[in-house]
PDB file of N, CA and C in Angstrom:
ATOM      1  N   MET A   1      -0.877 -33.657   5.457  1.00  0.00           N
ATOM      2  CA  MET A   1      -2.477 -33.300   4.927  1.00  0.00           C
ATOM      3  C   MET A   1      -2.900 -34.736   4.401  1.00  0.00           C
ATOM      4  N   SER A   2      -4.571 -34.782   4.681  1.00  0.00           N
ATOM      5  CA  SER A   2      -4.721 -36.197   4.234  1.00  0.00           C
ATOM      6  C   SER A   2      -5.017 -35.508   2.591  1.00  0.00           C
ATOM      7  N   PRO A   3      -5.592 -36.530   1.893  1.00  0.00           N
ATOM      8  CA  PRO A   3      -6.106 -36.151   0.527  1.00  0.00           C
ATOM      9  C   PRO A   3      -7.403 -35.730   0.676  1.00  0.00           C
ATOM     10  N   LYS A   4      -8.209 -35.510   1.689  1.00  0.00           N
ATOM     11  CA  LYS A   4      -9.584 -34.915   1.847  1.00  0.00           C
ATOM     12  C   LYS A   4      -9.629 -33.428   2.665  1.00  0.00           C
ATOM     13  N   ASP A   5      -8.411 -33.420   2.825  1.00  0.00           N
ATOM     14  CA  ASP A   5      -7.595 -31.855   3.534  1.00  0.00           C
ATOM     15  C   ASP A   5      -7.762 -31.267   2.441  1.00  0.00           C
ATOM     16  N   THR A   6      -6.716 -31.538   1.056  1.00  0.00           N
ATOM     17  CA  THR A   6      -6.096 -30.637  -0.095  1.00  0.00           C
ATOM     18  C   THR A   6      -7.314 -30.689  -0.794  1.00  0.00           C
ATOM     19  N   ALA A   7      -8.420 -31.364  -0.554  1.00  0.00           N
ATOM     20  CA  ALA A   7      -9.800 -31.035  -1.725  1.00  0.00           C
ATOM     21  C   ALA A   7     -10.216 -30.452  -0.993  1.00  0.00           C
ATOM     22  N   SER A   8     -10.379 -30.091  -0.021  1.00  0.00           N
ATOM     23  CA  SER A   8     -11.585 -29.562   0.372  1.00  0.00           C
ATOM     24  C   SER A   8     -11.352 -27.851   0.506  1.00  0.00           C
ATOM     25  N   SER A   9      -9.737 -27.803   0.591  1.00  0.00           N
ATOM     26  CA  SER A   9      -9.331 -26.489   0.145  1.00  0.00           C
ATOM     27  C   SER A   9      -9.187 -26.144  -1.258  1.00  0.00           C
ATOM     28  N   ALA A  10      -8.622 -26.778  -1.934  1.00  0.00           N
ATOM     29  CA  ALA A  10      -9.228 -26.570  -3.311  1.00  0.00           C
ATOM     30  C   ALA A  10     -10.454 -26.205  -4.360  1.00  0.00           C
ATOM     31  N   LYS A  11     -11.158 -26.446  -3.182  1.00  0.00           N
ATOM     32  CA  LYS A  11     -12.832 -26.371  -3.765  1.00  0.00           C
ATOM     33  C   LYS A  11     -13.268 -25.252  -3.272  1.00  0.00           C
ATOM     34  N   GLY A  12     -12.824 -24.402  -2.364  1.00  0.00           N
ATOM     35  CA  GLY A  12     -13.047 -23.076  -1.936  1.00  0.00           C
ATOM     36  C   GLY A  12     -13.323 -23.262  -0.258  1.00  0.00           C
ATOM     37  N   GLY A  13     -12.176 -24.283   0.594  1.00  0.00           N
ATOM     38  CA  GLY A  13     -12.557 -24.805   1.594  1.00  0.00           C
ATOM     39  C   GLY A  13     -12.197 -23.188   2.487  1.00  0.00           C
ATOM     40  N   SER A  14     -11.712 -23.415   3.992  1.00  0.00           N
ATOM     41  CA  SER A  14     -11.503 -22.183   4.929  1.00  0.00           C
ATOM     42  C   SER A  14     -10.251 -20.803   4.139  1.00  0.00           C
ATOM     43  N   GLY A  15      -9.806 -21.508   3.600  1.00  0.00           N
ATOM     44  CA  GLY A  15      -8.736 -20.892   2.632  1.00  0.00           C
ATOM     45  C   GLY A  15      -8.869 -20.227   1.669  1.00  0.00           C
ATOM     46  N   ALA A  16     -10.000 -20.306   1.050  1.00  0.00           N
ATOM     47  CA  ALA A  16     -10.203 -19.470  -0.238  1.00  0.00           C
ATOM     48  C   ALA A  16     -10.576 -18.408  -0.042  1.00  0.00           C
ATOM     49  N   PHE A  17     -10.494 -17.141  -1.379  1.00  0.00           N
ATOM     50  CA  PHE A  17     -10.937 -15.965  -0.991  1.00  0.00           C
ATOM     51  C   PHE A  17     -12.553 -15.817  -1.691  1.00  0.00           C
ATOM     52  N   THR A  18     -13.446 -15.610  -0.830  1.00  0.00           N
ATOM     53  CA  THR A  18     -14.817 -15.387  -1.138  1.00  0.00           C
ATOM     54  C   THR A  18     -14.694 -14.280  -1.370  1.00  0.00           C
ATOM     55  N   PRO A  19     -15.626 -13.664  -2.288  1.00  0.00           N
ATOM     56  CA  PRO A  19     -16.410 -12.561  -2.717  1.00  0.00           C
ATOM     57  C   PRO A  19     -16.463 -11.766  -1.116  1.00  0.00           C
ATOM     58  N   ALA A  20     -16.840 -12.069  -0.337  1.00  0.00           N
ATOM     59  CA  ALA A  20     -17.045 -11.806   1.401  1.00  0.00           C
ATOM     60  C   ALA A  20     -15.792 -11.151   1.930  1.00  0.00           C
ATOM     61  N   ARG A  21     -14.610 -11.895   1.961  1.00  0.00           N
ATOM     62  CA  ARG A  21     -13.035 -11.624   2.134  1.00  0.00           C
ATOM     63  C   ARG A  21     -12.922 -11.015   1.345  1.00  0.00           C
ATOM     64  N   ILE A  22     -12.745 -10.800   0.297  1.00  0.00           N
ATOM     65  CA  ILE A  22     -11.878  -9.832  -0.542  1.00  0.00           C
ATOM     66  C   ILE A  22     -12.885  -8.271  -0.391  1.00  0.00           C
ATOM     67  N   ALA A  23     -13.890  -8.183  -0.060  1.00  0.00           N
ATOM     68  CA  ALA A  23     -15.019  -6.936   0.112  1.00  0.00           C
ATOM     69  C   ALA A  23     -14.319  -6.485   1.660  1.00  0.00           C
ATOM     70  N   VAL A  24     -13.760  -7.194   2.439  1.00  0.00           N
ATOM     71  CA  VAL A  24     -13.808  -7.224   3.952  1.00  0.00           C
ATOM     72  C   VAL A  24     -12.136  -6.578   4.164  1.00  0.00           C
ATOM     73  N   LEU A  25     -11.272  -6.960   2.955  1.00  0.00           N
ATOM     74  CA  LEU A  25      -9.988  -6.663   2.148  1.00  0.00           C
ATOM     75  C   LEU A  25      -9.598  -5.651   2.035  1.00  0.00           C
ATOM     76  N   VAL A  26     -10.619  -5.517   0.839  1.00  0.00           N
ATOM     77  CA  VAL A  26     -10.743  -3.538   0.090  1.00  0.00           C
ATOM     78  C   VAL A  26     -11.089  -3.336   0.806  1.00  0.00           C
ATOM     79  N   LEU A  27     -12.354  -2.927   2.083  1.00  0.00           N
ATOM     80  CA  LEU A  27     -12.520  -2.326   3.059  1.00  0.00           C
ATOM     81  C   LEU A  27     -11.000  -1.766   3.756  1.00  0.00           C
ATOM     82  N   VAL A  28     -10.579  -2.933   4.290  1.00  0.00           N
ATOM     83  CA  VAL A  28     -10.048  -2.720   5.334  1.00  0.00           C
ATOM     84  C   VAL A  28      -8.673  -1.906   4.794  1.00  0.00           C
ATOM     85  N   VAL A  29      -8.249  -2.225   3.640  1.00  0.00           N
ATOM     86  CA  VAL A  29      -7.227  -0.842   2.381  1.00  0.00           C
ATOM     87  C   VAL A  29      -7.701   0.572   2.358  1.00  0.00           C
ATOM     88  N   LEU A  30      -8.767   0.562   2.390  1.00  0.00           N
ATOM     89  CA  LEU A  30      -9.218   1.664   1.733  1.00  0.00           C
ATOM     90  C   LEU A  30      -9.474   2.432   3.749  1.00  0.00           C
ATOM     91  N   VAL A  31      -9.523   2.057   4.483  1.00  0.00           N
ATOM     92  CA  VAL A  31      -9.441   2.518   5.684  1.00  0.00           C
ATOM     93  C   VAL A  31      -8.545   2.999   6.117  1.00  0.00           C
ATOM     94  N   LEU A  32      -7.193   1.405   5.993  1.00  0.00           N
ATOM     95  CA  LEU A  32      -5.876   2.663   6.409  1.00  0.00           C
ATOM     96  C   LEU A  32      -5.287   3.280   5.683  1.00  0.00           C
ATOM     97  N   VAL A  33      -5.660   3.383   4.040  1.00  0.00           N
ATOM     98  CA  VAL A  33      -5.365   4.604   3.131  1.00  0.00           C
ATOM     99  C   VAL A  33      -5.940   6.057   4.158  1.00  0.00           C
ATOM    100  N   PHE A  34      -7.114   6.094   4.361  1.00  0.00           N
ATOM    101  CA  PHE A  34      -7.894   7.368   4.328  1.00  0.00           C
ATOM    102  C   PHE A  34      -7.074   7.459   5.753  1.00  0.00           C
ATOM    103  N   ILE A  35      -6.761   6.672   7.061  1.00  0.00           N
ATOM    104  CA  ILE A  35      -6.346   7.159   7.847  1.00  0.00           C
ATOM    105  C   ILE A  35      -4.977   7.365   8.045  1.00  0.00           C
ATOM    106  N   PHE A  36      -4.159   6.827   7.285  1.00  0.00           N
ATOM    107  CA  PHE A  36      -3.091   7.852   7.147  1.00  0.00           C
ATOM    108  C   PHE A  36      -2.341   8.424   6.357  1.00  0.00           C
ATOM    109  N   GLU A  37      -3.621   9.148   5.390  1.00  0.00           N
ATOM    110  CA  GLU A  37      -3.633  10.504   5.039  1.00  0.00           C
ATOM    111  C   GLU A  37      -4.329  11.593   5.479  1.00  0.00           C
ATOM    112  N   ASN A  38      -4.519  11.007   6.646  1.00  0.00           N
ATOM    113  CA  ASN A  38      -5.162  12.304   7.327  1.00  0.00           C
ATOM    114  C   ASN A  38      -4.212  12.316   8.165  1.00  0.00           C
ATOM    115  N   THR A  39      -3.324  12.888   8.712  1.00  0.00           N
ATOM    116  CA  THR A  39      -2.211  13.041   9.931  1.00  0.00           C
ATOM    117  C   THR A  39      -1.723  14.227  10.161  1.00  0.00           C
ATOM    118  N   ARG A  40      -2.684  15.282  10.368  1.00  0.00           N
ATOM    119  CA  ARG A  40      -2.545  16.944  10.769  1.00  0.00           C
ATOM    120  C   ARG A  40      -3.170  16.912  12.505  1.00  0.00           C
ATOM    121  N   GLN A  41      -2.526  17.436  13.103  1.00  0.00           N
ATOM    122  CA  GLN A  41      -3.066  17.762  14.329  1.00  0.00           C
ATOM    123  C   GLN A  41      -4.438  18.284  14.420  1.00  0.00           C
ATOM    124  N   VAL A  42      -4.934  17.871  15.678  1.00  0.00           N
ATOM    125  CA  VAL A  42      -6.664  18.424  15.501  1.00  0.00           C
ATOM    126  C   VAL A  42      -7.334  18.257  17.310  1.00  0.00           C
ATOM    127  N   LYS A  43      -7.637  19.546  17.056  1.00  0.00           N
ATOM    128  CA  LYS A  43      -8.204  19.365  18.576  1.00  0.00           C
ATOM    129  C   LYS A  43      -9.845  18.564  18.726  1.00  0.00           C
ATOM    130  N   ILE A  44      -9.349  17.682  19.657  1.00  0.00           N
ATOM    131  CA  ILE A  44     -10.641  16.428  19.795  1.00  0.00           C
ATOM    132  C   ILE A  44     -11.526  17.337  21.021  1.00  0.00           C
ATOM    133  N   ARG A  45     -13.016  17.142  21.662  1.00  0.00           N
ATOM    134  CA  ARG A  45     -13.719  17.456  22.838  1.00  0.00           C
ATOM    135  C   ARG A  45     -14.248  15.963  22.815  1.00  0.00           C
ATOM    136  N   LEU A  46     -13.925  15.502  24.096  1.00  0.00           N
ATOM    137  CA  LEU A  46     -14.864  14.386  24.376  1.00  0.00           C
ATOM    138  C   LEU A  46     -15.413  14.767  25.873  1.00  0.00           C
ATOM    139  N   LEU A  47     -16.871  15.262  25.760  1.00  0.00           N
ATOM    140  CA  LEU A  47     -17.520  15.644  26.944  1.00  0.00           C
ATOM    141  C   LEU A  47     -16.762  16.646  27.588  1.00  0.00           C
ATOM    142  N   VAL A  48     -15.606  16.998  28.188  1.00  0.00           N
ATOM    143  CA  VAL A  48     -14.856  18.049  29.234  1.00  0.00           C
ATOM    144  C   VAL A  48     -13.551  18.315  28.634  1.00  0.00           C
ATOM    145  N   PRO A  49     -12.912  17.392  28.826  1.00  0.00           N
ATOM    146  CA  PRO A  49     -11.372  17.487  28.142  1.00  0.00           C
ATOM    147  C   PRO A  49     -10.968  17.797  26.869  1.00  0.00           C
ATOM    148  N   GLU A  50     -10.286  18.274  26.470  1.00  0.00           N
ATOM    149  CA  GLU A  50     -10.164  18.702  24.983  1.00  0.00           C
ATOM    150  C   GLU A  50      -8.415  18.588  24.703  1.00  0.00           C
ATOM    151  N   VAL A  51      -8.369  17.776  23.652  1.00  0.00           N
ATOM    152  CA  VAL A  51      -7.025  17.298  23.775  1.00  0.00           C
ATOM    153  C   VAL A  51      -6.749  16.977  22.383  1.00  0.00           C
ATOM    154  N   THR A  52      -5.132  17.689  22.108  1.00  0.00           N
ATOM    155  CA  THR A  52      -4.610  17.790  20.731  1.00  0.00           C
ATOM    156  C   THR A  52      -3.672  16.508  20.066  1.00  0.00           C
ATOM    157  N   MET A  53      -4.425  16.044  19.263  1.00  0.00           N
ATOM    158  CA  MET A  53      -3.405  15.083  18.692  1.00  0.00           C
ATOM    159  C   MET A  53      -3.888  14.583  16.897  1.00  0.00           C
ATOM    160  N   PRO A  54      -3.008  13.659  16.689  1.00  0.00           N
ATOM    161  CA  PRO A  54      -2.908  13.768  15.239  1.00  0.00           C
ATOM    162  C   PRO A  54      -4.644  12.904  14.838  1.00  0.00           C
ATOM    163  N   LEU A  55      -4.669  13.282  13.535  1.00  0.00           N
ATOM    164  CA  LEU A  55      -6.070  12.770  13.530  1.00  0.00           C
ATOM    165  C   LEU A  55      -6.301  11.414  13.278  1.00  0.00           C
ATOM    166  N   TRP A  56      -4.937  10.967  12.423  1.00  0.00           N
ATOM    167  CA  TRP A  56      -4.909   9.550  12.468  1.00  0.00           C
ATOM    168  C   TRP A  56      -5.087   8.336  13.673  1.00  0.00           C
ATOM    169  N   VAL A  57      -4.626   9.097  14.777  1.00  0.00           N
ATOM    170  CA  VAL A  57      -5.100   8.256  16.070  1.00  0.00           C
ATOM    171  C   VAL A  57      -6.243   8.040  16.552  1.00  0.00           C
ATOM    172  N   ALA A  58      -6.745   9.323  16.046  1.00  0.00           N
ATOM    173  CA  ALA A  58      -8.668   9.316  16.884  1.00  0.00           C
ATOM    174  C   ALA A  58      -9.147   8.408  15.540  1.00  0.00           C
ATOM    175  N   LEU A  59      -8.823   8.405  14.153  1.00  0.00           N
ATOM    176  CA  LEU A  59      -9.408   7.416  13.136  1.00  0.00           C
ATOM    177  C   LEU A  59      -9.388   6.382  13.545  1.00  0.00           C
ATOM    178  N   ALA A  60      -7.969   5.951  13.498  1.00  0.00           N
ATOM    179  CA  ALA A  60      -7.548   4.180  14.200  1.00  0.00           C
ATOM    180  C   ALA A  60      -8.350   4.057  15.709  1.00  0.00           C
ATOM    181  N   ALA A  61      -8.422   4.837  16.432  1.00  0.00           N
ATOM    182  CA  ALA A  61      -9.005   4.150  17.780  1.00  0.00           C
ATOM    183  C   ALA A  61     -10.599   3.638  17.301  1.00  0.00           C
ATOM    184  N   VAL A  62     -11.453   4.889  16.488  1.00  0.00           N
ATOM    185  CA  VAL A  62     -12.579   4.737  16.492  1.00  0.00           C
ATOM    186  C   VAL A  62     -12.751   3.270  15.473  1.00  0.00           C
ATOM    187  N   ALA A  63     -12.178   2.757  14.508  1.00  0.00           N
ATOM    188  CA  ALA A  63     -12.134   1.714  14.037  1.00  0.00           C
ATOM    189  C   ALA A  63     -11.835   0.449  14.607  1.00  0.00           C
ATOM    190  N   VAL A  64     -10.898   0.401  15.453  1.00  0.00           N
ATOM    191  CA  VAL A  64     -11.042  -0.507  16.540  1.00  0.00           C
ATOM    192  C   VAL A  64     -11.923  -0.572  17.180  1.00  0.00           C
ATOM    193  N   ILE A  65     -12.232   0.430  17.481  1.00  0.00           N
ATOM    194  CA  ILE A  65     -13.835   0.531  18.263  1.00  0.00           C
ATOM    195  C   ILE A  65     -14.729  -0.688  17.669  1.00  0.00           C
ATOM    196  N   GLY A  66     -14.683   0.663  16.407  1.00  0.00           N
ATOM    197  CA  GLY A  66     -16.101  -0.482  15.699  1.00  0.00           C
ATOM    198  C   GLY A  66     -15.674  -1.816  15.091  1.00  0.00           C
ATOM    199  N   ALA A  67     -14.852  -1.967  14.724  1.00  0.00           N
ATOM    200  CA  ALA A  67     -14.384  -3.090  14.273  1.00  0.00           C
ATOM    201  C   ALA A  67     -14.638  -4.648  15.375  1.00  0.00           C
ATOM    202  N   VAL A  68     -14.094  -3.997  16.847  1.00  0.00           N
ATOM    203  CA  VAL A  68     -14.429  -4.996  18.329  1.00  0.00           C
ATOM    204  C   VAL A  68     -16.388  -4.813  18.180  1.00  0.00           C
ATOM    205  N   CYS A  69     -15.959  -3.677  18.257  1.00  0.00           N
ATOM    206  CA  CYS A  69     -18.041  -4.010  18.681  1.00  0.00           C
ATOM    207  C   CYS A  69     -18.521  -4.832  17.529  1.00  0.00           C
ATOM    208  N   GLY A  70     -18.305  -4.721  15.996  1.00  0.00           N
ATOM    209  CA  GLY A  70     -18.911  -5.655  15.122  1.00  0.00           C
ATOM    210  C   GLY A  70     -18.517  -7.014  14.962  1.00  0.00           C
ATOM    211  N   GLY A  71     -17.564  -7.183  15.761  1.00  0.00           N
ATOM    212  CA  GLY A  71     -17.289  -8.667  16.280  1.00  0.00           C
ATOM    213  C   GLY A  71     -17.553  -9.405  17.039  1.00  0.00           C
ATOM    214  N   TYR A  72     -18.330  -8.467  18.133  1.00  0.00           N
ATOM    215  CA  TYR A  72     -18.927  -8.907  19.270  1.00  0.00           C
ATOM    216  C   TYR A  72     -20.385  -9.590  18.492  1.00  0.00           C
ATOM    217  N   PHE A  73     -20.924  -8.501  17.711  1.00  0.00           N
ATOM    218  CA  PHE A  73     -22.210  -8.561  17.393  1.00  0.00           C
ATOM    219  C   PHE A  73     -22.596  -9.744  16.314  1.00  0.00           C
ATOM    220  N   VAL A  74     -21.587  -9.574  15.381  1.00  0.00           N
ATOM    221  CA  VAL A  74     -21.742 -10.478  14.675  1.00  0.00           C
ATOM    222  C   VAL A  74     -21.477 -11.967  15.286  1.00  0.00           C
ATOM    223  N   ALA A  75     -20.693 -12.079  16.502  1.00  0.00           N
ATOM    224  CA  ALA A  75     -20.651 -13.448  17.150  1.00  0.00           C
ATOM    225  C   ALA A  75     -21.667 -14.084  18.084  1.00  0.00           C
ATOM    226  N   ARG A  76     -22.361 -12.978  18.594  1.00  0.00           N
ATOM    227  CA  ARG A  76     -23.302 -13.098  18.977  1.00  0.00           C
ATOM    228  C   ARG A  76     -24.599 -13.504  18.228  1.00  0.00           C
ATOM    229  N   ARG A  77     -24.479 -12.986  16.999  1.00  0.00           N
ATOM    230  CA  ARG A  77     -25.793 -13.279  16.039  1.00  0.00           C
ATOM    231  C   ARG A  77     -25.977 -14.928  15.253  1.00  0.00           C
ATOM    232  N   ARG A  78     -24.275 -15.422  15.769  1.00  0.00           N
ATOM    233  CA  ARG A  78     -24.251 -16.679  15.322  1.00  0.00           C
ATOM    234  C   ARG A  78     -24.636 -17.384  15.853  1.00  0.00           C
ATOM    235  N   LYS A  79     -24.646 -17.358  17.302  1.00  0.00           N
ATOM    236  CA  LYS A  79     -24.913 -18.312  18.488  1.00  0.00           C
ATOM    237  C   LYS A  79     -26.721 -18.568  18.208  1.00  0.00           C
TER     238      LYS A  79
END
């Protein structure tokens, strides 16, 4: 590493914990706790079929879909 690289990371470069990154990390931890606290079997109906699955699977799937859609939205706004 060059001295310039170490100086920029010490002043809050790409590896720093910014308030936004801390908020996202706290939100991810809360979502994971919520998902894994809800482990009972539930019936889920999506249009026609009805399936029985653990609630945590449905919550995790919705969280992943939301993260992908949110990431796509943020990437499109930065262009």
